[in-house]
Amino acid sequence: PSVLAQAKGVAIGAPGGLTDLPGHVFVYRGAPLGALDPADADVVWVGAPGDAFGAEAVAADRDGDGDTELWVAAPNADVPGRRPGDPVVPGAGKVYLLDLE
């Protein structure tokens, strides 16, 4: 799993299994203390089964607006072709940009 801690909070990636379990990213706002329970997360994102969503996470202000965005990797995600009718590329991977505000 990936863990990202910043002054605004903590993001924890739990990539799940490689075949049948979806990955998750749990966001806890503020400065949580002690053990973190997934049920107490302020925000939860869920990926597709087997895509390893949450394997890596990076927080940054991508567009310079002062708000932090969260980049989350799903390295095993299937990617559709570039044009209609193109085949899906299995396991090519994706990166998601998630707004924390």
N, C-alpha and C. Protein backbone atom coordinates (compact mmCIF):
# COMPACT_ATOMS: atom_id res chain seq x y z
N PRO A 1 0.82 -1.20 0.00
CA PRO A 1 0.00 0.00 0.00
C PRO A 1 0.86 1.25 0.00
N SER A 2 0.29 2.34 -0.48
CA SER A 2 0.99 3.61 -0.45
C SER A 2 0.36 4.50 0.61
N VAL A 3 1.20 5.26 1.30
CA VAL A 3 0.72 6.18 2.33
C VAL A 3 1.31 7.55 2.04
N LEU A 4 0.47 8.55 2.00
CA LEU A 4 0.89 9.91 1.71
C LEU A 4 0.36 10.80 2.81
N ALA A 5 1.25 11.42 3.58
CA ALA A 5 0.83 12.29 4.68
C ALA A 5 1.30 13.71 4.40
N GLN A 6 0.39 14.65 4.51
CA GLN A 6 0.69 16.07 4.37
C GLN A 6 -0.05 16.83 5.44
N ALA A 7 0.21 18.11 5.53
CA ALA A 7 -0.42 18.93 6.57
C ALA A 7 -1.94 18.90 6.48
N LYS A 8 -2.48 18.76 5.28
CA LYS A 8 -3.94 18.77 5.10
C LYS A 8 -4.59 17.43 5.42
N GLY A 9 -3.80 16.37 5.53
CA GLY A 9 -4.39 15.08 5.83
C GLY A 9 -3.52 13.92 5.39
N VAL A 10 -4.15 12.75 5.34
CA VAL A 10 -3.45 11.51 4.99
C VAL A 10 -4.25 10.80 3.92
N ALA A 11 -3.55 10.27 2.91
CA ALA A 11 -4.17 9.42 1.90
C ALA A 11 -3.49 8.06 1.96
N ILE A 12 -4.28 7.00 1.99
CA ILE A 12 -3.75 5.64 2.05
C ILE A 12 -4.29 4.86 0.87
N GLY A 13 -3.38 4.30 0.09
CA GLY A 13 -3.77 3.46 -1.03
C GLY A 13 -3.70 2.00 -0.63
N ALA A 14 -4.73 1.25 -0.95
CA ALA A 14 -4.80 -0.19 -0.70
C ALA A 14 -5.14 -0.84 -2.03
N PRO A 15 -4.11 -1.27 -2.79
CA PRO A 15 -4.33 -1.67 -4.17
C PRO A 15 -5.15 -2.93 -4.39
N GLY A 16 -5.53 -3.64 -3.36
CA GLY A 16 -6.37 -4.83 -3.55
C GLY A 16 -5.58 -5.96 -4.18
N GLY A 17 -6.29 -6.94 -4.70
CA GLY A 17 -5.66 -8.08 -5.34
C GLY A 17 -5.39 -7.82 -6.80
N LEU A 18 -4.62 -8.69 -7.40
CA LEU A 18 -4.28 -8.54 -8.82
C LEU A 18 -5.33 -9.14 -9.73
N THR A 19 -6.31 -9.84 -9.17
CA THR A 19 -7.29 -10.48 -10.04
C THR A 19 -8.73 -10.10 -9.73
N ASP A 20 -9.14 -10.15 -8.47
CA ASP A 20 -10.57 -10.00 -8.21
C ASP A 20 -10.95 -8.94 -7.18
N LEU A 21 -10.01 -8.30 -6.53
CA LEU A 21 -10.34 -7.32 -5.51
C LEU A 21 -10.08 -5.90 -6.01
N PRO A 22 -11.03 -4.99 -5.81
CA PRO A 22 -10.79 -3.60 -6.22
C PRO A 22 -9.84 -2.90 -5.26
N GLY A 23 -9.03 -1.99 -5.78
CA GLY A 23 -8.19 -1.17 -4.93
C GLY A 23 -8.97 0.01 -4.39
N HIS A 24 -8.47 0.58 -3.30
CA HIS A 24 -9.13 1.71 -2.65
C HIS A 24 -8.11 2.78 -2.32
N VAL A 25 -8.57 4.02 -2.24
CA VAL A 25 -7.80 5.12 -1.65
C VAL A 25 -8.68 5.75 -0.60
N PHE A 26 -8.15 5.82 0.62
CA PHE A 26 -8.85 6.39 1.76
C PHE A 26 -8.20 7.72 2.11
N VAL A 27 -9.00 8.78 2.23
CA VAL A 27 -8.48 10.10 2.58
C VAL A 27 -9.06 10.52 3.93
N TYR A 28 -8.14 10.90 4.82
CA TYR A 28 -8.50 11.40 6.15
C TYR A 28 -8.05 12.84 6.22
N ARG A 29 -8.97 13.75 6.40
CA ARG A 29 -8.64 15.18 6.45
C ARG A 29 -8.09 15.55 7.82
N GLY A 30 -7.26 16.60 7.86
CA GLY A 30 -6.67 17.06 9.11
C GLY A 30 -5.49 16.20 9.50
N ALA A 31 -5.23 16.10 10.79
CA ALA A 31 -4.10 15.34 11.31
C ALA A 31 -4.61 14.22 12.20
N PRO A 32 -5.06 13.11 11.60
CA PRO A 32 -5.60 12.03 12.43
C PRO A 32 -4.51 11.40 13.30
N LEU A 33 -4.91 10.97 14.46
CA LEU A 33 -3.97 10.35 15.41
C LEU A 33 -4.38 8.90 15.64
N GLY A 34 -3.40 8.06 15.88
CA GLY A 34 -3.68 6.67 16.20
C GLY A 34 -4.02 5.84 14.97
N ALA A 35 -4.64 4.70 15.23
CA ALA A 35 -5.02 3.78 14.15
C ALA A 35 -6.13 4.40 13.30
N LEU A 36 -6.03 4.18 12.00
CA LEU A 36 -7.03 4.72 11.07
C LEU A 36 -7.96 3.59 10.64
N ASP A 37 -9.25 3.82 10.78
CA ASP A 37 -10.25 2.85 10.40
C ASP A 37 -10.83 3.26 9.04
N PRO A 38 -10.88 2.36 8.06
CA PRO A 38 -11.45 2.72 6.76
C PRO A 38 -12.86 3.30 6.86
N ALA A 39 -13.62 2.88 7.84
CA ALA A 39 -14.99 3.39 8.00
C ALA A 39 -15.01 4.87 8.41
N ASP A 40 -13.88 5.37 8.93
CA ASP A 40 -13.80 6.77 9.37
C ASP A 40 -13.22 7.70 8.30
N ALA A 41 -12.89 7.18 7.13
CA ALA A 41 -12.31 8.01 6.07
C ALA A 41 -13.29 9.08 5.62
N ASP A 42 -12.76 10.27 5.33
CA ASP A 42 -13.60 11.36 4.84
C ASP A 42 -13.99 11.17 3.38
N VAL A 43 -13.10 10.57 2.61
CA VAL A 43 -13.33 10.30 1.18
C VAL A 43 -12.79 8.91 0.87
N VAL A 44 -13.52 8.14 0.08
CA VAL A 44 -13.06 6.83 -0.37
C VAL A 44 -13.28 6.73 -1.87
N TRP A 45 -12.23 6.41 -2.60
CA TRP A 45 -12.35 6.12 -4.03
C TRP A 45 -12.07 4.65 -4.23
N VAL A 46 -12.79 4.02 -5.17
CA VAL A 46 -12.65 2.58 -5.41
C VAL A 46 -12.34 2.37 -6.89
N GLY A 47 -11.34 1.55 -7.16
CA GLY A 47 -10.97 1.22 -8.53
C GLY A 47 -11.67 -0.05 -8.99
N ALA A 48 -11.31 -0.49 -10.17
CA ALA A 48 -11.87 -1.73 -10.73
C ALA A 48 -11.10 -2.93 -10.19
N PRO A 49 -11.75 -4.09 -10.08
CA PRO A 49 -11.05 -5.28 -9.62
C PRO A 49 -9.82 -5.60 -10.49
N GLY A 50 -8.71 -5.86 -9.83
CA GLY A 50 -7.50 -6.26 -10.53
C GLY A 50 -6.65 -5.15 -11.11
N ASP A 51 -7.08 -3.87 -11.03
CA ASP A 51 -6.29 -2.80 -11.65
C ASP A 51 -5.21 -2.23 -10.73
N ALA A 52 -5.18 -2.66 -9.46
CA ALA A 52 -4.21 -2.19 -8.46
C ALA A 52 -4.33 -0.69 -8.20
N PHE A 53 -5.55 -0.16 -8.34
CA PHE A 53 -5.82 1.25 -8.03
C PHE A 53 -5.36 1.54 -6.61
N GLY A 54 -4.57 2.61 -6.45
CA GLY A 54 -4.05 2.98 -5.13
C GLY A 54 -2.64 2.47 -4.87
N ALA A 55 -2.03 1.83 -5.87
CA ALA A 55 -0.67 1.32 -5.68
C ALA A 55 0.32 2.44 -5.36
N GLU A 56 0.11 3.61 -5.93
CA GLU A 56 0.93 4.80 -5.65
C GLU A 56 0.02 6.02 -5.62
N ALA A 57 0.39 6.99 -4.80
CA ALA A 57 -0.37 8.24 -4.72
C ALA A 57 0.60 9.40 -4.51
N VAL A 58 0.31 10.53 -5.17
CA VAL A 58 1.12 11.74 -5.05
C VAL A 58 0.16 12.92 -4.93
N ALA A 59 0.43 13.82 -4.00
CA ALA A 59 -0.38 15.03 -3.86
C ALA A 59 0.42 16.22 -4.35
N ALA A 60 -0.23 17.08 -5.13
CA ALA A 60 0.43 18.28 -5.66
C ALA A 60 -0.63 19.27 -6.13
N ASP A 61 -0.24 20.53 -6.18
CA ASP A 61 -1.11 21.56 -6.74
C ASP A 61 -0.77 21.66 -8.23
N ARG A 62 -1.44 20.86 -9.03
CA ARG A 62 -1.13 20.72 -10.46
C ARG A 62 -1.36 22.00 -11.25
N ASP A 63 -2.43 22.72 -10.94
CA ASP A 63 -2.79 23.86 -11.76
C ASP A 63 -2.49 25.22 -11.12
N GLY A 64 -1.83 25.23 -9.97
CA GLY A 64 -1.41 26.48 -9.35
C GLY A 64 -2.52 27.28 -8.71
N ASP A 65 -3.67 26.64 -8.44
CA ASP A 65 -4.79 27.37 -7.84
C ASP A 65 -4.77 27.37 -6.31
N GLY A 66 -3.76 26.74 -5.72
CA GLY A 66 -3.66 26.68 -4.27
C GLY A 66 -4.35 25.48 -3.66
N ASP A 67 -5.09 24.69 -4.45
CA ASP A 67 -5.75 23.48 -3.97
C ASP A 67 -4.91 22.26 -4.34
N THR A 68 -4.86 21.31 -3.44
CA THR A 68 -4.08 20.09 -3.67
C THR A 68 -4.92 19.06 -4.40
N GLU A 69 -4.36 18.51 -5.46
CA GLU A 69 -4.98 17.40 -6.17
C GLU A 69 -4.21 16.12 -5.83
N LEU A 70 -4.88 15.00 -5.94
CA LEU A 70 -4.27 13.71 -5.63
C LEU A 70 -4.17 12.89 -6.91
N TRP A 71 -2.96 12.47 -7.24
CA TRP A 71 -2.71 11.60 -8.39
C TRP A 71 -2.64 10.17 -7.87
N VAL A 72 -3.42 9.27 -8.45
CA VAL A 72 -3.46 7.88 -7.99
C VAL A 72 -3.20 6.96 -9.18
N ALA A 73 -2.29 6.02 -8.98
CA ALA A 73 -1.94 5.07 -10.04
C ALA A 73 -2.78 3.80 -9.94
N ALA A 74 -3.14 3.28 -11.11
CA ALA A 74 -3.76 1.97 -11.26
C ALA A 74 -2.93 1.25 -12.33
N PRO A 75 -1.77 0.71 -11.94
CA PRO A 75 -0.81 0.21 -12.94
C PRO A 75 -1.27 -0.98 -13.76
N ASN A 76 -2.32 -1.68 -13.33
CA ASN A 76 -2.80 -2.83 -14.09
C ASN A 76 -4.11 -2.56 -14.82
N ALA A 77 -4.55 -1.30 -14.84
CA ALA A 77 -5.84 -0.96 -15.46
C ALA A 77 -5.80 -1.18 -16.98
N ASP A 78 -6.92 -1.64 -17.50
CA ASP A 78 -7.06 -1.77 -18.95
C ASP A 78 -7.33 -0.38 -19.54
N VAL A 79 -6.77 -0.14 -20.72
CA VAL A 79 -6.91 1.18 -21.35
C VAL A 79 -7.55 1.00 -22.72
N PRO A 80 -8.64 1.76 -22.98
CA PRO A 80 -9.27 1.66 -24.30
C PRO A 80 -8.36 2.21 -25.39
N GLY A 81 -8.59 1.77 -26.61
CA GLY A 81 -7.83 2.30 -27.74
C GLY A 81 -8.08 3.79 -27.93
N ARG A 82 -7.25 4.42 -28.73
CA ARG A 82 -7.34 5.87 -28.91
C ARG A 82 -8.53 6.28 -29.77
N ARG A 83 -8.94 5.41 -30.68
CA ARG A 83 -10.06 5.74 -31.57
C ARG A 83 -11.17 4.71 -31.41
N PRO A 84 -12.39 5.10 -31.73
CA PRO A 84 -13.48 4.12 -31.66
C PRO A 84 -13.15 2.89 -32.50
N GLY A 85 -13.38 1.74 -31.92
CA GLY A 85 -13.10 0.49 -32.61
C GLY A 85 -11.71 -0.07 -32.35
N ASP A 86 -10.80 0.74 -31.79
CA ASP A 86 -9.48 0.23 -31.43
C ASP A 86 -9.62 -0.76 -30.28
N PRO A 87 -8.75 -1.76 -30.22
CA PRO A 87 -8.85 -2.73 -29.14
C PRO A 87 -8.41 -2.14 -27.80
N VAL A 88 -8.92 -2.74 -26.74
CA VAL A 88 -8.49 -2.39 -25.38
C VAL A 88 -7.10 -2.95 -25.16
N VAL A 89 -6.25 -2.18 -24.48
CA VAL A 89 -4.90 -2.64 -24.15
C VAL A 89 -4.94 -3.12 -22.69
N PRO A 90 -4.94 -4.43 -22.48
CA PRO A 90 -5.06 -4.93 -21.12
C PRO A 90 -3.81 -4.64 -20.28
N GLY A 91 -4.04 -4.18 -19.05
CA GLY A 91 -2.95 -3.97 -18.11
C GLY A 91 -2.00 -2.85 -18.45
N ALA A 92 -2.39 -1.92 -19.32
CA ALA A 92 -1.49 -0.83 -19.71
C ALA A 92 -1.31 0.19 -18.60
N GLY A 93 -2.28 0.32 -17.72
CA GLY A 93 -2.17 1.22 -16.58
C GLY A 93 -2.77 2.59 -16.83
N LYS A 94 -3.24 3.21 -15.74
CA LYS A 94 -3.82 4.55 -15.80
C LYS A 94 -3.35 5.34 -14.58
N VAL A 95 -3.40 6.66 -14.71
CA VAL A 95 -3.20 7.55 -13.58
C VAL A 95 -4.42 8.44 -13.51
N TYR A 96 -5.01 8.53 -12.32
CA TYR A 96 -6.21 9.34 -12.10
C TYR A 96 -5.84 10.59 -11.35
N LEU A 97 -6.45 11.70 -11.71
CA LEU A 97 -6.29 12.98 -11.02
C LEU A 97 -7.57 13.22 -10.23
N LEU A 98 -7.46 13.22 -8.90
CA LEU A 98 -8.62 13.35 -8.02
C LEU A 98 -8.53 14.66 -7.27
N ASP A 99 -9.61 15.40 -7.26
CA ASP A 99 -9.65 16.69 -6.58
C ASP A 99 -9.99 16.48 -5.11
N LEU A 100 -9.17 17.02 -4.23
CA LEU A 100 -9.38 16.84 -2.79
C LEU A 100 -10.26 17.90 -2.18
N GLU A 101 -10.60 18.93 -2.93
CA GLU A 101 -11.40 20.03 -2.36
C GLU A 101 -12.87 19.79 -2.48
